[in-house]
């Protein structure tokens, strides 16, 4: 991902999204949040990943704000839906638990 960012002078905003996902998966949550913040305006996936990063950093109140924003864009979002959409994520159960702590409904 770093090579792609270096080699492409016109960085598409989705690079930041993917970079944030990679960093979050690696446990580098502060860096992940910085990458996600470069993707604007946030979409439901960005909000979900930001909530996970914030929970892992112990910032539950901020994570809950991200989930509220997610639900305002996607009112039907639930943990069971997320389980189906991101079944490829390493540590899926940890991912879902972070979202549960952030207030995403079952």
PDB file of N, CA and C in Angstrom:
ATOM      1  N   UNK A   1       0.827  -1.177   0.000  1.00  0.00           N
ATOM      2  CA  UNK A   1       0.000   0.000   0.000  1.00  0.00           C
ATOM      3  C   UNK A   1       0.880   1.254   0.000  1.00  0.00           C
ATOM      4  N   UNK A   2       1.943   1.215   0.759  1.00  0.00           N
ATOM      5  CA  UNK A   2       2.850   2.368   0.783  1.00  0.00           C
ATOM      6  C   UNK A   2       3.417   2.640  -0.609  1.00  0.00           C
ATOM      7  N   UNK A   3       3.771   1.567  -1.339  1.00  0.00           N
ATOM      8  CA  UNK A   3       4.294   1.748  -2.692  1.00  0.00           C
ATOM      9  C   UNK A   3       3.242   2.373  -3.596  1.00  0.00           C
ATOM     10  N   UNK A   4       2.010   1.945  -3.474  1.00  0.00           N
ATOM     11  CA  UNK A   4       0.936   2.515  -4.296  1.00  0.00           C
ATOM     12  C   UNK A   4       0.776   4.003  -4.003  1.00  0.00           C
ATOM     13  N   UNK A   5       0.834   4.363  -2.738  1.00  0.00           N
ATOM     14  CA  UNK A   5       0.713   5.777  -2.368  1.00  0.00           C
ATOM     15  C   UNK A   5       1.879   6.595  -2.910  1.00  0.00           C
ATOM     16  N   UNK A   6       3.073   6.027  -2.882  1.00  0.00           N
ATOM     17  CA  UNK A   6       4.255   6.737  -3.380  1.00  0.00           C
ATOM     18  C   UNK A   6       4.228   6.890  -4.897  1.00  0.00           C
ATOM     19  N   UNK A   7       3.741   5.879  -5.591  1.00  0.00           N
ATOM     20  CA  UNK A   7       3.836   5.850  -7.048  1.00  0.00           C
ATOM     21  C   UNK A   7       2.685   6.522  -7.773  1.00  0.00           C
ATOM     22  N   UNK A   8       1.590   6.741  -7.094  1.00  0.00           N
ATOM     23  CA  UNK A   8       0.440   7.347  -7.750  1.00  0.00           C
ATOM     24  C   UNK A   8       0.325   8.807  -7.318  1.00  0.00           C
ATOM     25  N   UNK A   9       0.625   9.733  -8.209  1.00  0.00           N
ATOM     26  CA  UNK A   9       0.574  11.147  -7.832  1.00  0.00           C
ATOM     27  C   UNK A   9      -0.856  11.644  -7.570  1.00  0.00           C
ATOM     28  N   UNK A  10      -1.830  10.953  -8.104  1.00  0.00           N
ATOM     29  CA  UNK A  10      -3.229  11.335  -7.916  1.00  0.00           C
ATOM     30  C   UNK A  10      -3.893  10.284  -7.026  1.00  0.00           C
ATOM     31  N   UNK A  11      -3.641  10.375  -5.749  1.00  0.00           N
ATOM     32  CA  UNK A  11      -4.091   9.350  -4.814  1.00  0.00           C
ATOM     33  C   UNK A  11      -5.617   9.339  -4.740  1.00  0.00           C
ATOM     34  N   UNK A  12      -6.236   8.255  -5.205  1.00  0.00           N
ATOM     35  CA  UNK A  12      -7.689   8.153  -5.034  1.00  0.00           C
ATOM     36  C   UNK A  12      -8.019   8.056  -3.543  1.00  0.00           C
ATOM     37  N   UNK A  13      -9.134   8.613  -3.162  1.00  0.00           N
ATOM     38  CA  UNK A  13      -9.459   8.623  -1.738  1.00  0.00           C
ATOM     39  C   UNK A  13      -9.648   7.223  -1.172  1.00  0.00           C
ATOM     40  N   UNK A  14     -10.005   6.254  -2.008  1.00  0.00           N
ATOM     41  CA  UNK A  14     -10.197   4.907  -1.486  1.00  0.00           C
ATOM     42  C   UNK A  14      -8.895   4.282  -1.022  1.00  0.00           C
ATOM     43  N   UNK A  15      -7.740   4.832  -1.460  1.00  0.00           N
ATOM     44  CA  UNK A  15      -6.467   4.350  -0.926  1.00  0.00           C
ATOM     45  C   UNK A  15      -6.441   4.535   0.589  1.00  0.00           C
ATOM     46  N   UNK A  16      -6.967   5.659   1.067  1.00  0.00           N
ATOM     47  CA  UNK A  16      -6.973   5.943   2.505  1.00  0.00           C
ATOM     48  C   UNK A  16      -7.851   4.943   3.248  1.00  0.00           C
ATOM     49  N   UNK A  17      -8.947   4.596   2.630  1.00  0.00           N
ATOM     50  CA  UNK A  17      -9.864   3.604   3.197  1.00  0.00           C
ATOM     51  C   UNK A  17      -9.132   2.262   3.360  1.00  0.00           C
ATOM     52  N   UNK A  18      -8.532   1.801   2.272  1.00  0.00           N
ATOM     53  CA  UNK A  18      -7.823   0.532   2.305  1.00  0.00           C
ATOM     54  C   UNK A  18      -6.638   0.580   3.267  1.00  0.00           C
ATOM     55  N   UNK A  19      -5.908   1.670   3.273  1.00  0.00           N
ATOM     56  CA  UNK A  19      -4.772   1.823   4.189  1.00  0.00           C
ATOM     57  C   UNK A  19      -5.263   1.743   5.637  1.00  0.00           C
ATOM     58  N   UNK A  20      -6.375   2.396   5.925  1.00  0.00           N
ATOM     59  CA  UNK A  20      -6.927   2.349   7.274  1.00  0.00           C
ATOM     60  C   UNK A  20      -7.319   0.939   7.681  1.00  0.00           C
ATOM     61  N   UNK A  21      -7.923   0.195   6.764  1.00  0.00           N
ATOM     62  CA  UNK A  21      -8.308  -1.192   7.049  1.00  0.00           C
ATOM     63  C   UNK A  21      -7.065  -2.027   7.349  1.00  0.00           C
ATOM     64  N   UNK A  22      -6.036  -1.861   6.548  1.00  0.00           N
ATOM     65  CA  UNK A  22      -4.789  -2.606   6.757  1.00  0.00           C
ATOM     66  C   UNK A  22      -4.208  -2.263   8.123  1.00  0.00           C
ATOM     67  N   UNK A  23      -4.119  -0.977   8.437  1.00  0.00           N
ATOM     68  CA  UNK A  23      -3.538  -0.560   9.711  1.00  0.00           C
ATOM     69  C   UNK A  23      -4.367  -1.044  10.898  1.00  0.00           C
ATOM     70  N   UNK A  24      -5.680  -0.977  10.781  1.00  0.00           N
ATOM     71  CA  UNK A  24      -6.553  -1.464  11.851  1.00  0.00           C
ATOM     72  C   UNK A  24      -6.354  -2.958  12.047  1.00  0.00           C
ATOM     73  N   UNK A  25      -6.288  -3.699  10.973  1.00  0.00           N
ATOM     74  CA  UNK A  25      -6.079  -5.146  11.044  1.00  0.00           C
ATOM     75  C   UNK A  25      -4.743  -5.478  11.697  1.00  0.00           C
ATOM     76  N   UNK A  26      -3.756  -4.610  11.500  1.00  0.00           N
ATOM     77  CA  UNK A  26      -2.437  -4.815  12.104  1.00  0.00           C
ATOM     78  C   UNK A  26      -2.378  -4.326  13.553  1.00  0.00           C
ATOM     79  N   UNK A  27      -3.467  -3.733  14.031  1.00  0.00           N
ATOM     80  CA  UNK A  27      -3.484  -3.233  15.407  1.00  0.00           C
ATOM     81  C   UNK A  27      -2.893  -1.852  15.571  1.00  0.00           C
ATOM     82  N   UNK A  28      -2.706  -1.130  14.494  1.00  0.00           N
ATOM     83  CA  UNK A  28      -2.137   0.216  14.532  1.00  0.00           C
ATOM     84  C   UNK A  28      -3.288   1.226  14.426  1.00  0.00           C
ATOM     85  N   UNK A  29      -4.046   1.304  15.519  1.00  0.00           N
ATOM     86  CA  UNK A  29      -5.341   1.989  15.509  1.00  0.00           C
ATOM     87  C   UNK A  29      -5.236   3.505  15.349  1.00  0.00           C
ATOM     88  N   UNK A  30      -4.260   4.139  15.972  1.00  0.00           N
ATOM     89  CA  UNK A  30      -4.115   5.589  15.800  1.00  0.00           C
ATOM     90  C   UNK A  30      -3.813   5.929  14.344  1.00  0.00           C
ATOM     91  N   UNK A  31      -2.926   5.164  13.742  1.00  0.00           N
ATOM     92  CA  UNK A  31      -2.591   5.387  12.338  1.00  0.00           C
ATOM     93  C   UNK A  31      -3.792   5.099  11.443  1.00  0.00           C
ATOM     94  N   UNK A  32      -4.536   4.064  11.789  1.00  0.00           N
ATOM     95  CA  UNK A  32      -5.736   3.735  11.017  1.00  0.00           C
ATOM     96  C   UNK A  32      -6.719   4.901  11.052  1.00  0.00           C
ATOM     97  N   UNK A  33      -6.914   5.477  12.219  1.00  0.00           N
ATOM     98  CA  UNK A  33      -7.842   6.614  12.326  1.00  0.00           C
ATOM     99  C   UNK A  33      -7.384   7.785  11.474  1.00  0.00           C
ATOM    100  N   UNK A  34      -6.091   8.036  11.462  1.00  0.00           N
ATOM    101  CA  UNK A  34      -5.584   9.136  10.614  1.00  0.00           C
ATOM    102  C   UNK A  34      -5.872   8.853   9.144  1.00  0.00           C
ATOM    103  N   UNK A  35      -5.694   7.615   8.715  1.00  0.00           N
ATOM    104  CA  UNK A  35      -5.976   7.263   7.314  1.00  0.00           C
ATOM    105  C   UNK A  35      -7.470   7.398   7.021  1.00  0.00           C
ATOM    106  N   UNK A  36      -8.319   6.886   7.916  1.00  0.00           N
ATOM    107  CA  UNK A  36      -9.767   6.984   7.696  1.00  0.00           C
ATOM    108  C   UNK A  36     -10.225   8.433   7.639  1.00  0.00           C
ATOM    109  N   UNK A  37      -9.588   9.295   8.416  1.00  0.00           N
ATOM    110  CA  UNK A  37      -9.983  10.703   8.422  1.00  0.00           C
ATOM    111  C   UNK A  37      -9.685  11.409   7.103  1.00  0.00           C
ATOM    112  N   UNK A  38      -8.809  10.832   6.285  1.00  0.00           N
ATOM    113  CA  UNK A  38      -8.500  11.413   4.976  1.00  0.00           C
ATOM    114  C   UNK A  38      -9.555  11.065   3.924  1.00  0.00           C
ATOM    115  N   UNK A  39     -10.423  10.133   4.242  1.00  0.00           N
ATOM    116  CA  UNK A  39     -11.512   9.748   3.331  1.00  0.00           C
ATOM    117  C   UNK A  39     -12.738  10.559   3.741  1.00  0.00           C
ATOM    118  N   UNK A  40     -13.163  11.426   2.856  1.00  0.00           N
ATOM    119  CA  UNK A  40     -14.269  12.307   3.218  1.00  0.00           C
ATOM    120  C   UNK A  40     -15.217  12.464   2.037  1.00  0.00           C
ATOM    121  N   UNK A  41     -16.512  12.480   2.301  1.00  0.00           N
ATOM    122  CA  UNK A  41     -17.168  12.253   3.585  1.00  0.00           C
ATOM    123  C   UNK A  41     -17.158  10.767   3.911  1.00  0.00           C
ATOM    124  N   UNK A  42     -17.203  10.426   5.207  1.00  0.00           N
ATOM    125  CA  UNK A  42     -17.148   9.011   5.570  1.00  0.00           C
ATOM    126  C   UNK A  42     -18.388   8.253   5.109  1.00  0.00           C
ATOM    127  N   UNK A  43     -18.172   7.032   4.679  1.00  0.00           N
ATOM    128  CA  UNK A  43     -19.278   6.154   4.308  1.00  0.00           C
ATOM    129  C   UNK A  43     -19.517   5.166   5.460  1.00  0.00           C
ATOM    130  N   UNK A  44     -20.535   4.332   5.404  1.00  0.00           N
ATOM    131  CA  UNK A  44     -20.791   3.406   6.509  1.00  0.00           C
ATOM    132  C   UNK A  44     -19.606   2.497   6.848  1.00  0.00           C
ATOM    133  N   UNK A  45     -18.875   2.051   5.857  1.00  0.00           N
ATOM    134  CA  UNK A  45     -17.725   1.185   6.135  1.00  0.00           C
ATOM    135  C   UNK A  45     -16.645   1.937   6.905  1.00  0.00           C
ATOM    136  N   UNK A  46     -16.350   3.154   6.485  1.00  0.00           N
ATOM    137  CA  UNK A  46     -15.356   3.973   7.191  1.00  0.00           C
ATOM    138  C   UNK A  46     -15.800   4.188   8.629  1.00  0.00           C
ATOM    139  N   UNK A  47     -17.058   4.510   8.833  1.00  0.00           N
ATOM    140  CA  UNK A  47     -17.569   4.736  10.188  1.00  0.00           C
ATOM    141  C   UNK A  47     -17.450   3.472  11.030  1.00  0.00           C
ATOM    142  N   UNK A  48     -17.712   2.339  10.441  1.00  0.00           N
ATOM    143  CA  UNK A  48     -17.597   1.057  11.147  1.00  0.00           C
ATOM    144  C   UNK A  48     -16.153   0.803  11.565  1.00  0.00           C
ATOM    145  N   UNK A  49     -15.227   0.979  10.643  1.00  0.00           N
ATOM    146  CA  UNK A  49     -13.816   0.752  10.949  1.00  0.00           C
ATOM    147  C   UNK A  49     -13.293   1.764  11.964  1.00  0.00           C
ATOM    148  N   UNK A  50     -13.750   3.002  11.867  1.00  0.00           N
ATOM    149  CA  UNK A  50     -13.346   4.004  12.862  1.00  0.00           C
ATOM    150  C   UNK A  50     -13.859   3.615  14.241  1.00  0.00           C
ATOM    151  N   UNK A  51     -15.093   3.132  14.319  1.00  0.00           N
ATOM    152  CA  UNK A  51     -15.652   2.711  15.607  1.00  0.00           C
ATOM    153  C   UNK A  51     -14.813   1.581  16.193  1.00  0.00           C
ATOM    154  N   UNK A  52     -14.427   0.625  15.378  1.00  0.00           N
ATOM    155  CA  UNK A  52     -13.610  -0.497  15.853  1.00  0.00           C
ATOM    156  C   UNK A  52     -12.273   0.011  16.384  1.00  0.00           C
ATOM    157  N   UNK A  53     -11.635   0.885  15.633  1.00  0.00           N
ATOM    158  CA  UNK A  53     -10.344   1.436  16.061  1.00  0.00           C
ATOM    159  C   UNK A  53     -10.479   2.183  17.387  1.00  0.00           C
ATOM    160  N   UNK A  54     -11.534   2.961  17.504  1.00  0.00           N
ATOM    161  CA  UNK A  54     -11.747   3.727  18.729  1.00  0.00           C
ATOM    162  C   UNK A  54     -12.010   2.817  19.930  1.00  0.00           C
ATOM    163  N   UNK A  55     -12.803   1.771  19.743  1.00  0.00           N
ATOM    164  CA  UNK A  55     -13.035   0.820  20.841  1.00  0.00           C
ATOM    165  C   UNK A  55     -11.718   0.198  21.259  1.00  0.00           C
ATOM    166  N   UNK A  56     -10.922  -0.213  20.317  1.00  0.00           N
ATOM    167  CA  UNK A  56      -9.643  -0.864  20.635  1.00  0.00           C
ATOM    168  C   UNK A  56      -8.695   0.092  21.358  1.00  0.00           C
ATOM    169  N   UNK A  57      -8.895   1.393  21.153  1.00  0.00           N
ATOM    170  CA  UNK A  57      -8.097   2.400  21.869  1.00  0.00           C
ATOM    171  C   UNK A  57      -8.732   2.791  23.202  1.00  0.00           C
ATOM    172  N   UNK A  58      -9.887   2.184  23.508  1.00  0.00           N
ATOM    173  CA  UNK A  58     -10.567   2.489  24.765  1.00  0.00           C
ATOM    174  C   UNK A  58     -11.398   3.749  24.735  1.00  0.00           C
ATOM    175  N   UNK A  59     -11.656   4.274  23.560  1.00  0.00           N
ATOM    176  CA  UNK A  59     -12.418   5.518  23.412  1.00  0.00           C
ATOM    177  C   UNK A  59     -13.865   5.177  23.023  1.00  0.00           C
ATOM    178  N   UNK A  60     -14.556   4.564  23.972  1.00  0.00           N
ATOM    179  CA  UNK A  60     -15.890   4.008  23.721  1.00  0.00           C
ATOM    180  C   UNK A  60     -16.900   5.096  23.362  1.00  0.00           C
ATOM    181  N   UNK A  61     -16.889   6.216  24.064  1.00  0.00           N
ATOM    182  CA  UNK A  61     -17.865   7.282  23.789  1.00  0.00           C
ATOM    183  C   UNK A  61     -17.727   7.777  22.349  1.00  0.00           C
ATOM    184  N   UNK A  62     -16.508   7.969  21.886  1.00  0.00           N
ATOM    185  CA  UNK A  62     -16.304   8.406  20.495  1.00  0.00           C
ATOM    186  C   UNK A  62     -16.738   7.313  19.522  1.00  0.00           C
ATOM    187  N   UNK A  63     -16.471   6.063  19.879  1.00  0.00           N
ATOM    188  CA  UNK A  63     -16.883   4.940  19.023  1.00  0.00           C
ATOM    189  C   UNK A  63     -18.400   4.911  18.896  1.00  0.00           C
ATOM    190  N   UNK A  64     -19.088   5.181  19.985  1.00  0.00           N
ATOM    191  CA  UNK A  64     -20.556   5.210  19.941  1.00  0.00           C
ATOM    192  C   UNK A  64     -21.058   6.320  19.019  1.00  0.00           C
ATOM    193  N   UNK A  65     -20.351   7.433  18.986  1.00  0.00           N
ATOM    194  CA  UNK A  65     -20.703   8.501  18.053  1.00  0.00           C
ATOM    195  C   UNK A  65     -20.554   8.066  16.609  1.00  0.00           C
ATOM    196  N   UNK A  66     -19.527   7.279  16.327  1.00  0.00           N
ATOM    197  CA  UNK A  66     -19.334   6.762  14.969  1.00  0.00           C
ATOM    198  C   UNK A  66     -20.473   5.820  14.592  1.00  0.00           C
ATOM    199  N   UNK A  67     -20.899   4.982  15.539  1.00  0.00           N
ATOM    200  CA  UNK A  67     -22.000   4.050  15.267  1.00  0.00           C
ATOM    201  C   UNK A  67     -23.303   4.826  15.076  1.00  0.00           C
ATOM    202  N   UNK A  68     -23.515   5.876  15.845  1.00  0.00           N
ATOM    203  CA  UNK A  68     -24.723   6.703  15.622  1.00  0.00           C
ATOM    204  C   UNK A  68     -24.709   7.297  14.215  1.00  0.00           C
ATOM    205  N   UNK A  69     -23.546   7.787  13.788  1.00  0.00           N
ATOM    206  CA  UNK A  69     -23.435   8.333  12.431  1.00  0.00           C
ATOM    207  C   UNK A  69     -23.663   7.238  11.394  1.00  0.00           C
ATOM    208  N   UNK A  70     -23.123   6.053  11.643  1.00  0.00           N
ATOM    209  CA  UNK A  70     -23.337   4.914  10.748  1.00  0.00           C
ATOM    210  C   UNK A  70     -24.825   4.599  10.630  1.00  0.00           C
ATOM    211  N   UNK A  71     -25.506   4.552  11.767  1.00  0.00           N
ATOM    212  CA  UNK A  71     -26.933   4.215  11.753  1.00  0.00           C
ATOM    213  C   UNK A  71     -27.773   5.315  11.119  1.00  0.00           C
ATOM    214  N   UNK A  72     -27.297   6.549  11.151  1.00  0.00           N
ATOM    215  CA  UNK A  72     -28.048   7.610  10.470  1.00  0.00           C
ATOM    216  C   UNK A  72     -27.955   7.445   8.952  1.00  0.00           C
ATOM    217  N   UNK A  73     -26.841   6.893   8.474  1.00  0.00           N
ATOM    218  CA  UNK A  73     -26.681   6.640   7.034  1.00  0.00           C
ATOM    219  C   UNK A  73     -27.271   5.302   6.610  1.00  0.00           C
ATOM    220  N   UNK A  74     -27.247   4.350   7.536  1.00  0.00           N
ATOM    221  CA  UNK A  74     -27.681   2.987   7.223  1.00  0.00           C
ATOM    222  C   UNK A  74     -28.468   2.445   8.428  1.00  0.00           C
ATOM    223  N   UNK A  75     -29.719   2.894   8.592  1.00  0.00           N
ATOM    224  CA  UNK A  75     -30.494   2.551   9.789  1.00  0.00           C
ATOM    225  C   UNK A  75     -30.691   1.059  10.021  1.00  0.00           C
ATOM    226  N   UNK A  76     -30.605   0.262   8.988  1.00  0.00           N
ATOM    227  CA  UNK A  76     -30.842  -1.182   9.134  1.00  0.00           C
ATOM    228  C   UNK A  76     -29.583  -1.967   9.488  1.00  0.00           C
ATOM    229  N   UNK A  77     -28.446  -1.291   9.683  1.00  0.00           N
ATOM    230  CA  UNK A  77     -27.192  -1.993   9.968  1.00  0.00           C
ATOM    231  C   UNK A  77     -27.273  -2.730  11.298  1.00  0.00           C
ATOM    232  N   UNK A  78     -26.839  -3.983  11.283  1.00  0.00           N
ATOM    233  CA  UNK A  78     -26.815  -4.807  12.489  1.00  0.00           C
ATOM    234  C   UNK A  78     -25.529  -5.634  12.505  1.00  0.00           C
ATOM    235  N   UNK A  79     -25.245  -6.188  13.660  1.00  0.00           N
ATOM    236  CA  UNK A  79     -24.087  -7.065  13.775  1.00  0.00           C
ATOM    237  C   UNK A  79     -24.222  -8.300  12.888  1.00  0.00           C
ATOM    238  N   UNK A  80     -25.435  -8.843  12.781  1.00  0.00           N
ATOM    239  CA  UNK A  80     -25.613 -10.037  11.947  1.00  0.00           C
ATOM    240  C   UNK A  80     -25.361  -9.718  10.470  1.00  0.00           C
ATOM    241  N   UNK A  81     -25.744  -8.528  10.022  1.00  0.00           N
ATOM    242  CA  UNK A  81     -25.431  -8.121   8.648  1.00  0.00           C
ATOM    243  C   UNK A  81     -23.925  -8.008   8.453  1.00  0.00           C
ATOM    244  N   UNK A  82     -23.280  -7.350   9.410  1.00  0.00           N
ATOM    245  CA  UNK A  82     -21.836  -7.159   9.320  1.00  0.00           C
ATOM    246  C   UNK A  82     -21.141  -8.517   9.266  1.00  0.00           C
ATOM    247  N   UNK A  83     -21.602  -9.464  10.056  1.00  0.00           N
ATOM    248  CA  UNK A  83     -21.019 -10.815  10.058  1.00  0.00           C
ATOM    249  C   UNK A  83     -21.040 -11.397   8.641  1.00  0.00           C
ATOM    250  N   UNK A  84     -22.110 -11.190   7.908  1.00  0.00           N
ATOM    251  CA  UNK A  84     -22.218 -11.721   6.546  1.00  0.00           C
ATOM    252  C   UNK A  84     -21.330 -10.953   5.568  1.00  0.00           C
ATOM    253  N   UNK A  85     -21.247  -9.643   5.740  1.00  0.00           N
ATOM    254  CA  UNK A  85     -20.510  -8.808   4.782  1.00  0.00           C
ATOM    255  C   UNK A  85     -19.004  -8.927   4.926  1.00  0.00           C
ATOM    256  N   UNK A  86     -18.523  -9.093   6.141  1.00  0.00           N
ATOM    257  CA  UNK A  86     -17.073  -9.058   6.351  1.00  0.00           C
ATOM    258  C   UNK A  86     -16.558 -10.362   6.953  1.00  0.00           C
ATOM    259  N   UNK A  87     -17.083 -11.465   6.486  1.00  0.00           N
ATOM    260  CA  UNK A  87     -16.662 -12.761   7.006  1.00  0.00           C
ATOM    261  C   UNK A  87     -15.201 -13.081   6.674  1.00  0.00           C
ATOM    262  N   UNK A  88     -14.576 -12.275   5.837  1.00  0.00           N
ATOM    263  CA  UNK A  88     -13.180 -12.448   5.459  1.00  0.00           C
ATOM    264  C   UNK A  88     -12.209 -11.787   6.442  1.00  0.00           C
ATOM    265  N   UNK A  89     -12.716 -10.997   7.375  1.00  0.00           N
ATOM    266  CA  UNK A  89     -11.867 -10.224   8.287  1.00  0.00           C
ATOM    267  C   UNK A  89     -11.214 -11.153   9.314  1.00  0.00           C
ATOM    268  N   UNK A  90      -9.886 -11.050   9.458  1.00  0.00           N
ATOM    269  CA  UNK A  90      -9.257 -11.813  10.537  1.00  0.00           C
ATOM    270  C   UNK A  90      -9.832 -11.340  11.876  1.00  0.00           C
ATOM    271  N   UNK A  91      -9.963 -12.226  12.812  1.00  0.00           N
ATOM    272  CA  UNK A  91     -10.530 -11.912  14.130  1.00  0.00           C
ATOM    273  C   UNK A  91     -11.925 -11.306  14.000  1.00  0.00           C
ATOM    274  N   UNK A  92     -12.756 -11.973  13.218  1.00  0.00           N
ATOM    275  CA  UNK A  92     -14.122 -11.490  13.006  1.00  0.00           C
ATOM    276  C   UNK A  92     -14.865 -11.306  14.316  1.00  0.00           C
ATOM    277  N   UNK A  93     -14.710 -12.229  15.243  1.00  0.00           N
ATOM    278  CA  UNK A  93     -15.425 -12.119  16.518  1.00  0.00           C
ATOM    279  C   UNK A  93     -14.976 -10.890  17.303  1.00  0.00           C
ATOM    280  N   UNK A  94     -13.691 -10.585  17.276  1.00  0.00           N
ATOM    281  CA  UNK A  94     -13.194  -9.366  17.930  1.00  0.00           C
ATOM    282  C   UNK A  94     -13.728  -8.116  17.265  1.00  0.00           C
ATOM    283  N   UNK A  95     -13.820  -8.160  15.957  1.00  0.00           N
ATOM    284  CA  UNK A  95     -14.373  -7.077  15.147  1.00  0.00           C
ATOM    285  C   UNK A  95     -15.827  -6.819  15.568  1.00  0.00           C
ATOM    286  N   UNK A  96     -16.592  -7.886  15.651  1.00  0.00           N
ATOM    287  CA  UNK A  96     -18.005  -7.765  16.022  1.00  0.00           C
ATOM    288  C   UNK A  96     -18.169  -7.324  17.478  1.00  0.00           C
ATOM    289  N   UNK A  97     -17.312  -7.815  18.349  1.00  0.00           N
ATOM    290  CA  UNK A  97     -17.386  -7.416  19.757  1.00  0.00           C
ATOM    291  C   UNK A  97     -17.099  -5.927  19.917  1.00  0.00           C
ATOM    292  N   UNK A  98     -16.150  -5.416  19.173  1.00  0.00           N
ATOM    293  CA  UNK A  98     -15.859  -3.973  19.224  1.00  0.00           C
ATOM    294  C   UNK A  98     -17.080  -3.176  18.775  1.00  0.00           C
ATOM    295  N   UNK A  99     -17.734  -3.629  17.711  1.00  0.00           N
ATOM    296  CA  UNK A  99     -18.940  -2.945  17.242  1.00  0.00           C
ATOM    297  C   UNK A  99     -20.084  -3.069  18.257  1.00  0.00           C
ATOM    298  N   UNK A 100     -20.160  -4.186  18.916  1.00  0.00           N
ATOM    299  CA  UNK A 100     -21.177  -4.388  19.971  1.00  0.00           C
ATOM    300  C   UNK A 100     -20.934  -3.371  21.099  1.00  0.00           C
ATOM    301  N   UNK A 101     -19.694  -3.231  21.509  1.00  0.00           N
ATOM    302  CA  UNK A 101     -19.344  -2.274  22.558  1.00  0.00           C
ATOM    303  C   UNK A 101     -19.648  -0.837  22.138  1.00  0.00           C
ATOM    304  N   UNK A 102     -19.540  -0.589  20.845  1.00  0.00           N
ATOM    305  CA  UNK A 102     -19.819   0.747  20.316  1.00  0.00           C
ATOM    306  C   UNK A 102     -21.319   0.993  20.123  1.00  0.00           C
ATOM    307  N   UNK A 103     -22.133  -0.038  20.328  1.00  0.00           N
ATOM    308  CA  UNK A 103     -23.569   0.155  20.295  1.00  0.00           C
ATOM    309  C   UNK A 103     -24.289  -0.285  19.045  1.00  0.00           C
ATOM    310  N   UNK A 104     -23.617  -0.999  18.152  1.00  0.00           N
ATOM    311  CA  UNK A 104     -24.331  -1.497  16.971  1.00  0.00           C
ATOM    312  C   UNK A 104     -25.277  -2.610  17.408  1.00  0.00           C
ATOM    313  N   UNK A 105     -26.546  -2.538  17.014  1.00  0.00           N
ATOM    314  CA  UNK A 105     -27.508  -3.556  17.442  1.00  0.00           C
ATOM    315  C   UNK A 105     -27.221  -4.927  16.845  1.00  0.00           C
ATOM    316  N   UNK A 106     -27.748  -5.931  17.562  1.00  0.00           N
ATOM    317  CA  UNK A 106     -27.579  -7.324  17.130  1.00  0.00           C
ATOM    318  C   UNK A 106     -28.286  -7.531  15.794  1.00  0.00           C
TER     319      UNK A 106
END
